[in-house]
Amino acid sequence: MYLLCKNEKQELIKDWGKTFGNGNFKQEDFEGLPENYSLFWFRNPKQSLAGIQFLHFTPKNVLN
């Protein structure tokens, strides 16, 4: 999944990225990104990011 965020949230997102398994989170540096925005790629989140509702995830082992 890709996540585009304003740079004011960049450090919060990077800290959240430290909770991911190896290779499942990285910041992308594509040409053409809007000014003052950052792009991140991630997969298999282990936990939600508190304070940002749309980054709430249910762990796989909870699903039926």
C-alpha atoms as a PDB file:
ATOM      1  CA  MET A   1       0.000   0.000   0.000  1.00  0.00           C
ATOM      2  CA  TYR A   2       1.172   3.534  -0.624  1.00  0.00           C
ATOM      3  CA  LEU A   3       0.606   6.379   1.814  1.00  0.00           C
ATOM      4  CA  LEU A   4       0.917  10.018   0.772  1.00  0.00           C
ATOM      5  CA  CYS A   5       1.109  12.419   3.704  1.00  0.00           C
ATOM      6  CA  LYS A   6       1.957  16.020   4.434  1.00  0.00           C
ATOM      7  CA  ASN A   7       5.516  16.489   5.653  1.00  0.00           C
ATOM      8  CA  GLU A   8       4.197  17.612   9.045  1.00  0.00           C
ATOM      9  CA  LYS A   9       3.211  13.934   9.645  1.00  0.00           C
ATOM     10  CA  GLN A  10       6.420  12.498   8.184  1.00  0.00           C
ATOM     11  CA  GLU A  11       8.212  11.792  11.492  1.00  0.00           C
ATOM     12  CA  LEU A  12       5.093  10.211  13.003  1.00  0.00           C
ATOM     13  CA  ILE A  13       4.815   7.899   9.984  1.00  0.00           C
ATOM     14  CA  LYS A  14       8.542   7.052  10.107  1.00  0.00           C
ATOM     15  CA  ASP A  15       8.267   6.133  13.791  1.00  0.00           C
ATOM     16  CA  TRP A  16       5.305   3.882  12.958  1.00  0.00           C
ATOM     17  CA  GLY A  17       7.437   2.316  10.215  1.00  0.00           C
ATOM     18  CA  LYS A  18       9.860   1.047  12.864  1.00  0.00           C
ATOM     19  CA  THR A  19       7.161  -1.409  13.988  1.00  0.00           C
ATOM     20  CA  PHE A  20       7.137  -3.223  10.628  1.00  0.00           C
ATOM     21  CA  GLY A  21       9.032  -6.368   9.773  1.00  0.00           C
ATOM     22  CA  ASN A  22      12.203  -6.146   7.723  1.00  0.00           C
ATOM     23  CA  GLY A  23      11.538  -4.887   4.205  1.00  0.00           C
ATOM     24  CA  ASN A  24       7.858  -4.075   4.782  1.00  0.00           C
ATOM     25  CA  PHE A  25       8.185  -0.288   5.056  1.00  0.00           C
ATOM     26  CA  LYS A  26      10.133   2.338   3.148  1.00  0.00           C
ATOM     27  CA  GLN A  27       9.965   5.968   2.164  1.00  0.00           C
ATOM     28  CA  GLU A  28       9.761   6.496  -1.583  1.00  0.00           C
ATOM     29  CA  ASP A  29      11.420   9.320  -3.489  1.00  0.00           C
ATOM     30  CA  PHE A  30       9.505   9.622  -6.763  1.00  0.00           C
ATOM     31  CA  GLU A  31       9.772  12.616  -9.044  1.00  0.00           C
ATOM     32  CA  GLY A  32       6.646  14.696  -9.308  1.00  0.00           C
ATOM     33  CA  LEU A  33       5.464  14.449  -5.712  1.00  0.00           C
ATOM     34  CA  PRO A  34       3.578  17.551  -4.599  1.00  0.00           C
ATOM     35  CA  GLU A  35       5.661  20.035  -2.619  1.00  0.00           C
ATOM     36  CA  ASN A  36       5.615  19.423   1.157  1.00  0.00           C
ATOM     37  CA  TYR A  37       4.387  15.812   0.802  1.00  0.00           C
ATOM     38  CA  SER A  38       6.069  12.479   1.492  1.00  0.00           C
ATOM     39  CA  LEU A  39       5.279   9.061   0.056  1.00  0.00           C
ATOM     40  CA  PHE A  40       5.667   5.781   1.934  1.00  0.00           C
ATOM     41  CA  TRP A  41       5.208   2.165   0.846  1.00  0.00           C
ATOM     42  CA  PHE A  42       4.256  -0.550   3.327  1.00  0.00           C
ATOM     43  CA  ARG A  43       2.766  -4.020   3.682  1.00  0.00           C
ATOM     44  CA  ASN A  44       1.723  -6.275   6.562  1.00  0.00           C
ATOM     45  CA  PRO A  45       1.292  -3.687   9.314  1.00  0.00           C
ATOM     46  CA  LYS A  46       1.739  -5.189  12.785  1.00  0.00           C
ATOM     47  CA  GLN A  47      -0.168  -2.425  14.553  1.00  0.00           C
ATOM     48  CA  SER A  48      -2.342   0.594  13.921  1.00  0.00           C
ATOM     49  CA  LEU A  49      -1.065   4.139  14.094  1.00  0.00           C
ATOM     50  CA  ALA A  50      -2.728   5.804  17.065  1.00  0.00           C
ATOM     51  CA  GLY A  51      -4.211   9.167  16.259  1.00  0.00           C
ATOM     52  CA  ILE A  52      -4.771   8.547  12.543  1.00  0.00           C
ATOM     53  CA  GLN A  53      -8.080   6.756  12.148  1.00  0.00           C
ATOM     54  CA  PHE A  54      -7.613   5.524   8.576  1.00  0.00           C
ATOM     55  CA  LEU A  55      -4.403   3.733   9.641  1.00  0.00           C
ATOM     56  CA  HIS A  56      -6.283   1.345  11.928  1.00  0.00           C
ATOM     57  CA  PHE A  57      -5.667  -2.297  11.048  1.00  0.00           C
ATOM     58  CA  THR A  58      -7.016  -5.573  12.410  1.00  0.00           C
ATOM     59  CA  PRO A  59      -4.327  -8.255  12.758  1.00  0.00           C
ATOM     60  CA  LYS A  60      -4.720 -11.213  10.374  1.00  0.00           C
ATOM     61  CA  ASN A  61      -5.057 -13.758  13.186  1.00  0.00           C
ATOM     62  CA  VAL A  62      -8.204 -11.973  14.476  1.00  0.00           C
ATOM     63  CA  LEU A  63     -10.128 -12.296  11.206  1.00  0.00           C
ATOM     64  CA  ASN A  64     -12.469 -15.256  10.727  1.00  0.00           C
END
